[in-house]
C-alpha cells in the first residue's frame, strides 16, 4: 500500500508551499487493512509536514462525530544554510 500513498504524498508536496494550510477530513475505519494504511499515511506525511488534529469540540455541531477526524497540515519549515 506504500505505492498507493506515494502519489498522494507527492501531490501534497507539489501543491503546497510554506504558507499553505491543508485541511484533511476523514472517517476512521477499523476493518481490514484500513488502520495500517492510515497509520502509514500519517507516518509518511510527518516526514515533510506538521500535523495538528482539530479537537472534536471545534467541529461543526451538526456534522461532528467521534469517527470523523480533521487534521490541519502545514509544510515543515526548512532551515537554510545548515
N, C-alpha and C. Protein backbone atom coordinates (compact mmCIF):
# COMPACT_ATOMS: atom_id res chain seq x y z
N UNK A 1 0.80 -1.20 0.00
CA UNK A 1 0.00 0.00 0.00
C UNK A 1 0.84 1.26 0.00
N UNK A 2 2.15 1.13 0.20
CA UNK A 2 3.02 2.28 0.12
C UNK A 2 2.97 2.93 -1.26
N UNK A 3 2.78 2.09 -2.29
CA UNK A 3 2.70 2.60 -3.65
C UNK A 3 1.46 3.45 -3.86
N UNK A 4 0.37 3.11 -3.18
CA UNK A 4 -0.86 3.89 -3.34
C UNK A 4 -0.79 5.22 -2.59
N UNK A 5 0.04 5.28 -1.57
CA UNK A 5 0.18 6.51 -0.79
C UNK A 5 1.16 7.50 -1.42
N UNK A 6 2.16 6.98 -2.11
CA UNK A 6 3.19 7.86 -2.68
C UNK A 6 2.63 8.94 -3.61
N UNK A 7 1.70 8.62 -4.54
CA UNK A 7 1.18 9.69 -5.40
C UNK A 7 0.44 10.77 -4.61
N UNK A 8 -0.29 10.38 -3.58
CA UNK A 8 -0.99 11.36 -2.75
C UNK A 8 0.00 12.27 -2.03
N UNK A 9 1.02 11.69 -1.44
CA UNK A 9 2.03 12.48 -0.73
C UNK A 9 2.79 13.39 -1.69
N UNK A 10 3.12 12.89 -2.88
CA UNK A 10 3.81 13.71 -3.87
C UNK A 10 2.94 14.89 -4.28
N UNK A 11 1.65 14.65 -4.50
CA UNK A 11 0.73 15.72 -4.87
C UNK A 11 0.66 16.78 -3.78
N UNK A 12 0.57 16.36 -2.53
CA UNK A 12 0.54 17.33 -1.42
C UNK A 12 1.81 18.17 -1.39
N UNK A 13 2.95 17.54 -1.62
CA UNK A 13 4.23 18.29 -1.63
C UNK A 13 4.28 19.25 -2.82
N UNK A 14 3.81 18.79 -3.99
CA UNK A 14 3.85 19.62 -5.19
C UNK A 14 2.92 20.82 -5.10
N UNK A 15 1.82 20.68 -4.41
CA UNK A 15 0.80 21.74 -4.39
C UNK A 15 0.86 22.65 -3.17
N UNK A 16 1.78 22.38 -2.25
CA UNK A 16 1.85 23.20 -1.05
C UNK A 16 3.14 24.00 -0.99
N UNK A 17 3.05 25.14 -0.35
CA UNK A 17 4.21 25.98 -0.11
C UNK A 17 4.34 26.22 1.38
N UNK A 18 5.25 27.10 1.78
CA UNK A 18 5.49 27.33 3.20
C UNK A 18 4.29 27.92 3.95
N UNK A 19 3.39 28.59 3.23
CA UNK A 19 2.24 29.21 3.89
C UNK A 19 0.92 28.51 3.59
N UNK A 20 0.98 27.33 2.99
CA UNK A 20 -0.24 26.60 2.65
C UNK A 20 -0.74 25.79 3.84
N UNK A 21 -2.05 25.85 4.05
CA UNK A 21 -2.69 25.02 5.06
C UNK A 21 -3.65 24.08 4.34
N UNK A 22 -3.51 22.79 4.59
CA UNK A 22 -4.40 21.78 4.02
C UNK A 22 -5.24 21.22 5.16
N UNK A 23 -6.56 21.21 4.98
CA UNK A 23 -7.43 20.56 5.95
C UNK A 23 -7.79 19.19 5.42
N UNK A 24 -7.45 18.19 6.17
CA UNK A 24 -7.72 16.80 5.79
C UNK A 24 -8.81 16.27 6.71
N UNK A 25 -9.91 15.85 6.12
CA UNK A 25 -11.02 15.30 6.88
C UNK A 25 -11.21 13.86 6.44
N UNK A 26 -11.33 12.96 7.40
CA UNK A 26 -11.51 11.55 7.04
C UNK A 26 -12.30 10.82 8.12
N UNK A 27 -12.93 9.75 7.68
CA UNK A 27 -13.64 8.88 8.61
C UNK A 27 -12.72 7.74 8.98
N UNK A 28 -12.50 7.56 10.26
CA UNK A 28 -11.61 6.50 10.72
C UNK A 28 -12.29 5.15 10.50
N UNK A 29 -11.58 4.26 9.84
CA UNK A 29 -12.12 2.92 9.54
C UNK A 29 -11.33 1.89 10.34
N UNK A 30 -12.01 0.88 10.81
CA UNK A 30 -11.36 -0.09 11.69
C UNK A 30 -11.28 -1.49 11.11
N UNK A 31 -11.78 -1.67 9.89
CA UNK A 31 -11.82 -3.01 9.31
C UNK A 31 -10.66 -3.22 8.32
N UNK A 32 -10.25 -4.47 8.17
CA UNK A 32 -9.25 -4.84 7.17
C UNK A 32 -7.93 -4.13 7.35
N UNK A 33 -7.35 -3.68 6.22
CA UNK A 33 -6.04 -3.03 6.24
C UNK A 33 -6.13 -1.53 6.52
N UNK A 34 -7.34 -1.00 6.65
CA UNK A 34 -7.52 0.44 6.82
C UNK A 34 -6.71 1.05 7.97
N UNK A 35 -6.72 0.46 9.18
CA UNK A 35 -5.93 1.06 10.25
C UNK A 35 -4.43 1.12 9.94
N UNK A 36 -3.92 0.08 9.29
CA UNK A 36 -2.49 0.03 8.94
C UNK A 36 -2.17 1.08 7.88
N UNK A 37 -3.04 1.24 6.89
CA UNK A 37 -2.83 2.24 5.83
C UNK A 37 -2.88 3.64 6.43
N UNK A 38 -3.85 3.88 7.31
CA UNK A 38 -3.95 5.18 7.97
C UNK A 38 -2.69 5.50 8.76
N UNK A 39 -2.21 4.54 9.53
CA UNK A 39 -1.00 4.74 10.34
C UNK A 39 0.19 5.06 9.43
N UNK A 40 0.34 4.31 8.35
CA UNK A 40 1.47 4.52 7.43
C UNK A 40 1.36 5.88 6.75
N UNK A 41 0.15 6.27 6.34
CA UNK A 41 -0.06 7.57 5.70
C UNK A 41 0.41 8.70 6.60
N UNK A 42 -0.02 8.68 7.86
CA UNK A 42 0.36 9.76 8.77
C UNK A 42 1.83 9.70 9.14
N UNK A 43 2.39 8.51 9.18
CA UNK A 43 3.83 8.36 9.43
C UNK A 43 4.63 9.01 8.29
N UNK A 44 4.27 8.68 7.05
CA UNK A 44 4.96 9.26 5.88
C UNK A 44 4.70 10.75 5.76
N UNK A 45 3.50 11.17 6.05
CA UNK A 45 3.14 12.58 5.95
C UNK A 45 3.99 13.44 6.88
N UNK A 46 4.29 12.91 8.06
CA UNK A 46 5.05 13.67 9.05
C UNK A 46 6.52 13.84 8.69
N UNK A 47 6.97 13.19 7.62
CA UNK A 47 8.35 13.41 7.18
C UNK A 47 8.51 14.82 6.62
N UNK A 48 7.47 15.36 5.98
CA UNK A 48 7.54 16.67 5.33
C UNK A 48 6.54 17.69 5.88
N UNK A 49 5.60 17.23 6.70
CA UNK A 49 4.53 18.10 7.16
C UNK A 49 4.38 18.04 8.68
N UNK A 50 3.86 19.13 9.22
CA UNK A 50 3.47 19.16 10.63
C UNK A 50 1.96 19.03 10.68
N UNK A 51 1.48 18.24 11.61
CA UNK A 51 0.05 17.95 11.71
C UNK A 51 -0.51 18.49 13.02
N UNK A 52 -1.72 19.01 12.94
CA UNK A 52 -2.42 19.43 14.15
C UNK A 52 -3.85 18.90 14.06
N UNK A 53 -4.18 18.03 14.98
CA UNK A 53 -5.54 17.48 15.00
C UNK A 53 -6.49 18.54 15.56
N UNK A 54 -7.60 18.74 14.88
CA UNK A 54 -8.61 19.70 15.32
C UNK A 54 -9.51 18.98 16.32
N UNK A 55 -9.61 19.49 17.56
CA UNK A 55 -10.42 18.81 18.57
C UNK A 55 -11.89 18.70 18.15
N UNK A 56 -12.53 17.63 18.57
CA UNK A 56 -13.92 17.36 18.19
C UNK A 56 -14.85 18.51 18.57
N UNK A 57 -14.59 19.17 19.68
CA UNK A 57 -15.48 20.26 20.09
C UNK A 57 -15.37 21.48 19.18
N UNK A 58 -14.40 21.49 18.28
CA UNK A 58 -14.28 22.57 17.30
C UNK A 58 -14.88 22.21 15.94
N UNK A 59 -15.37 20.98 15.79
CA UNK A 59 -16.03 20.56 14.56
C UNK A 59 -17.43 21.17 14.53
N UNK A 60 -17.99 21.29 13.34
CA UNK A 60 -19.35 21.78 13.19
C UNK A 60 -20.30 20.90 14.00
N UNK A 61 -21.15 21.54 14.80
CA UNK A 61 -22.05 20.80 15.68
C UNK A 61 -22.93 19.80 14.94
N UNK A 62 -23.43 20.21 13.79
CA UNK A 62 -24.37 19.38 13.05
C UNK A 62 -23.71 18.13 12.47
N UNK A 63 -22.42 18.22 12.16
CA UNK A 63 -21.76 17.12 11.45
C UNK A 63 -20.73 16.37 12.29
N UNK A 64 -20.46 16.81 13.50
CA UNK A 64 -19.39 16.16 14.27
C UNK A 64 -19.76 14.73 14.65
N UNK A 65 -18.73 13.91 14.68
CA UNK A 65 -18.89 12.50 15.02
C UNK A 65 -17.53 12.01 15.52
N UNK A 66 -17.55 11.11 16.47
CA UNK A 66 -16.29 10.63 17.07
C UNK A 66 -15.39 9.91 16.06
N UNK A 67 -15.96 9.38 14.97
CA UNK A 67 -15.12 8.68 14.00
C UNK A 67 -14.73 9.55 12.81
N UNK A 68 -15.09 10.83 12.84
CA UNK A 68 -14.68 11.79 11.81
C UNK A 68 -13.56 12.65 12.38
N UNK A 69 -12.46 12.73 11.67
CA UNK A 69 -11.30 13.47 12.15
C UNK A 69 -10.93 14.58 11.16
N UNK A 70 -10.48 15.70 11.69
CA UNK A 70 -9.98 16.80 10.86
C UNK A 70 -8.56 17.10 11.32
N UNK A 71 -7.67 17.20 10.34
CA UNK A 71 -6.26 17.46 10.63
C UNK A 71 -5.82 18.65 9.79
N UNK A 72 -5.17 19.62 10.44
CA UNK A 72 -4.56 20.75 9.74
C UNK A 72 -3.12 20.35 9.42
N UNK A 73 -2.74 20.52 8.15
CA UNK A 73 -1.43 20.07 7.66
C UNK A 73 -0.67 21.26 7.09
N UNK A 74 0.57 21.46 7.57
CA UNK A 74 1.45 22.52 7.07
C UNK A 74 2.80 21.92 6.72
N UNK A 75 3.42 22.46 5.67
CA UNK A 75 4.78 22.01 5.32
C UNK A 75 5.72 22.36 6.47
N UNK A 76 6.66 21.47 6.74
CA UNK A 76 7.68 21.77 7.75
C UNK A 76 8.56 22.89 7.23
N UNK A 77 8.95 23.75 8.11
CA UNK A 77 9.86 24.84 7.76
C UNK A 77 11.26 24.27 7.61
N UNK A 78 11.95 24.67 6.56
CA UNK A 78 13.33 24.21 6.38
C UNK A 78 14.27 25.33 6.79
N UNK A 79 15.37 24.94 7.40
CA UNK A 79 16.38 25.91 7.80
C UNK A 79 17.46 25.91 6.74
N UNK A 80 17.63 27.03 6.09
CA UNK A 80 18.63 27.12 5.01
C UNK A 80 20.01 27.46 5.58
N UNK A 81 21.01 26.95 4.92
CA UNK A 81 22.37 27.31 5.29
C UNK A 81 22.99 26.39 6.34
N UNK A 82 22.29 25.35 6.73
CA UNK A 82 22.86 24.43 7.73
C UNK A 82 23.27 23.13 7.08
